[in-house]
Amino acid sequence: MAIEAAEIERLIKTGLPDATVRIDDLRGDGDHYAAIVISPAFKGKSRVQQHQMVYQALQGRMGNELHALALQTSAPQD
């Protein structure tokens, strides 16, 4: 069962309300996505911690409905 890009964006924004999120469907199959997530909540966090925060926002869908997610995260530049 595939997940739509809008649902991925909604989940991330629910978990990280101040985030700017961009989702791209890489293959057009609803199964392989790329996400760019920029959030002030990432400030001072390692890349691994930032990715963990996004995965937590996805509420267990990674590896289930969401097969592949190429993830880029960062804090906003001041």
C-alpha atoms as a PDB file:
ATOM      1  CA  MET A   1       0.000   0.000   0.000  1.00  0.00           C
ATOM      2  CA  ALA A   2       1.582   3.268  -1.142  1.00  0.00           C
ATOM      3  CA  ILE A   3       1.445   6.590   0.651  1.00  0.00           C
ATOM      4  CA  GLU A   4       0.830   9.922  -1.058  1.00  0.00           C
ATOM      5  CA  ALA A   5       3.297  12.824  -0.956  1.00  0.00           C
ATOM      6  CA  ALA A   6       0.684  15.070   0.672  1.00  0.00           C
ATOM      7  CA  GLU A   7       0.303  12.583   3.531  1.00  0.00           C
ATOM      8  CA  ILE A   8       4.070  12.443   4.088  1.00  0.00           C
ATOM      9  CA  GLU A   9       4.174  16.241   4.185  1.00  0.00           C
ATOM     10  CA  ARG A  10       1.208  16.373   6.580  1.00  0.00           C
ATOM     11  CA  LEU A  11       2.809  13.875   8.967  1.00  0.00           C
ATOM     12  CA  ILE A  12       6.141  15.706   8.995  1.00  0.00           C
ATOM     13  CA  LYS A  13       4.469  19.096   9.526  1.00  0.00           C
ATOM     14  CA  THR A  14       2.354  17.659  12.338  1.00  0.00           C
ATOM     15  CA  GLY A  15       5.484  16.345  14.058  1.00  0.00           C
ATOM     16  CA  LEU A  16       7.606  19.402  13.217  1.00  0.00           C
ATOM     17  CA  PRO A  17       5.101  22.278  12.918  1.00  0.00           C
ATOM     18  CA  ASP A  18       7.719  24.935  12.148  1.00  0.00           C
ATOM     19  CA  ALA A  19       9.287  22.906   9.314  1.00  0.00           C
ATOM     20  CA  THR A  20       9.468  23.761   5.643  1.00  0.00           C
ATOM     21  CA  VAL A  21       8.893  20.511   3.769  1.00  0.00           C
ATOM     22  CA  ARG A  22       9.303  19.539   0.119  1.00  0.00           C
ATOM     23  CA  ILE A  23       8.405  16.054  -1.085  1.00  0.00           C
ATOM     24  CA  ASP A  24       9.266  14.676  -4.533  1.00  0.00           C
ATOM     25  CA  ASP A  25       7.968  11.361  -5.895  1.00  0.00           C
ATOM     26  CA  LEU A  26      11.146   9.971  -7.452  1.00  0.00           C
ATOM     27  CA  ARG A  27       9.616   7.249  -9.625  1.00  0.00           C
ATOM     28  CA  GLY A  28       5.977   8.283  -9.870  1.00  0.00           C
ATOM     29  CA  ASP A  29       5.007   5.067  -8.099  1.00  0.00           C
ATOM     30  CA  GLY A  30       4.026   6.505  -4.709  1.00  0.00           C
ATOM     31  CA  ASP A  31       6.683   4.325  -3.115  1.00  0.00           C
ATOM     32  CA  HIS A  32      10.028   6.142  -3.543  1.00  0.00           C
ATOM     33  CA  TYR A  33      10.281   9.721  -2.324  1.00  0.00           C
ATOM     34  CA  ALA A  34      12.823  12.419  -1.608  1.00  0.00           C
ATOM     35  CA  ALA A  35      12.182  14.899   1.202  1.00  0.00           C
ATOM     36  CA  ILE A  36      13.866  18.148   2.092  1.00  0.00           C
ATOM     37  CA  VAL A  37      13.005  19.239   5.627  1.00  0.00           C
ATOM     38  CA  ILE A  38      14.237  22.511   7.110  1.00  0.00           C
ATOM     39  CA  SER A  39      13.337  23.203  10.723  1.00  0.00           C
ATOM     40  CA  PRO A  40      14.598  25.405  13.558  1.00  0.00           C
ATOM     41  CA  ALA A  41      14.109  22.329  15.779  1.00  0.00           C
ATOM     42  CA  PHE A  42      17.176  20.824  14.060  1.00  0.00           C
ATOM     43  CA  LYS A  43      19.515  23.537  15.336  1.00  0.00           C
ATOM     44  CA  GLY A  44      22.366  21.979  17.310  1.00  0.00           C
ATOM     45  CA  LYS A  45      21.311  18.446  16.367  1.00  0.00           C
ATOM     46  CA  SER A  46      23.455  15.978  14.446  1.00  0.00           C
ATOM     47  CA  ARG A  47      22.286  14.772  11.032  1.00  0.00           C
ATOM     48  CA  VAL A  48      21.348  11.421  12.598  1.00  0.00           C
ATOM     49  CA  GLN A  49      19.261  13.154  15.280  1.00  0.00           C
ATOM     50  CA  GLN A  50      17.537  15.288  12.621  1.00  0.00           C
ATOM     51  CA  HIS A  51      16.639  12.187  10.587  1.00  0.00           C
ATOM     52  CA  GLN A  52      15.386  10.431  13.717  1.00  0.00           C
ATOM     53  CA  MET A  53      13.072  13.380  14.368  1.00  0.00           C
ATOM     54  CA  VAL A  54      11.618  13.085  10.865  1.00  0.00           C
ATOM     55  CA  TYR A  55      11.212   9.299  11.188  1.00  0.00           C
ATOM     56  CA  GLN A  56       9.437   9.818  14.512  1.00  0.00           C
ATOM     57  CA  ALA A  57       7.064  12.284  12.816  1.00  0.00           C
ATOM     58  CA  LEU A  58       6.270   9.597  10.209  1.00  0.00           C
ATOM     59  CA  GLN A  59       4.788   7.487  13.024  1.00  0.00           C
ATOM     60  CA  GLY A  60       6.127   4.095  11.986  1.00  0.00           C
ATOM     61  CA  ARG A  61       5.216   4.378   8.304  1.00  0.00           C
ATOM     62  CA  MET A  62       8.856   4.228   7.190  1.00  0.00           C
ATOM     63  CA  GLY A  63       9.480   0.702   5.953  1.00  0.00           C
ATOM     64  CA  ASN A  64       5.760  -0.026   5.822  1.00  0.00           C
ATOM     65  CA  GLU A  65       3.588   2.195   3.606  1.00  0.00           C
ATOM     66  CA  LEU A  66       6.679   4.269   2.815  1.00  0.00           C
ATOM     67  CA  HIS A  67       9.287   2.045   1.206  1.00  0.00           C
ATOM     68  CA  ALA A  68      12.096   4.515   0.417  1.00  0.00           C
ATOM     69  CA  LEU A  69      12.763   8.088   1.507  1.00  0.00           C
ATOM     70  CA  ALA A  70      15.885  10.018   0.477  1.00  0.00           C
ATOM     71  CA  LEU A  71      16.073  12.545   3.285  1.00  0.00           C
ATOM     72  CA  GLN A  72      17.897  15.886   3.455  1.00  0.00           C
ATOM     73  CA  THR A  73      17.536  17.872   6.672  1.00  0.00           C
ATOM     74  CA  SER A  74      18.940  21.132   7.961  1.00  0.00           C
ATOM     75  CA  ALA A  75      18.280  24.029  10.275  1.00  0.00           C
ATOM     76  CA  PRO A  76      17.468  27.347   8.593  1.00  0.00           C
ATOM     77  CA  GLN A  77      20.421  29.611   7.885  1.00  0.00           C
ATOM     78  CA  ASP A  78      20.338  32.819   9.933  1.00  0.00           C
END
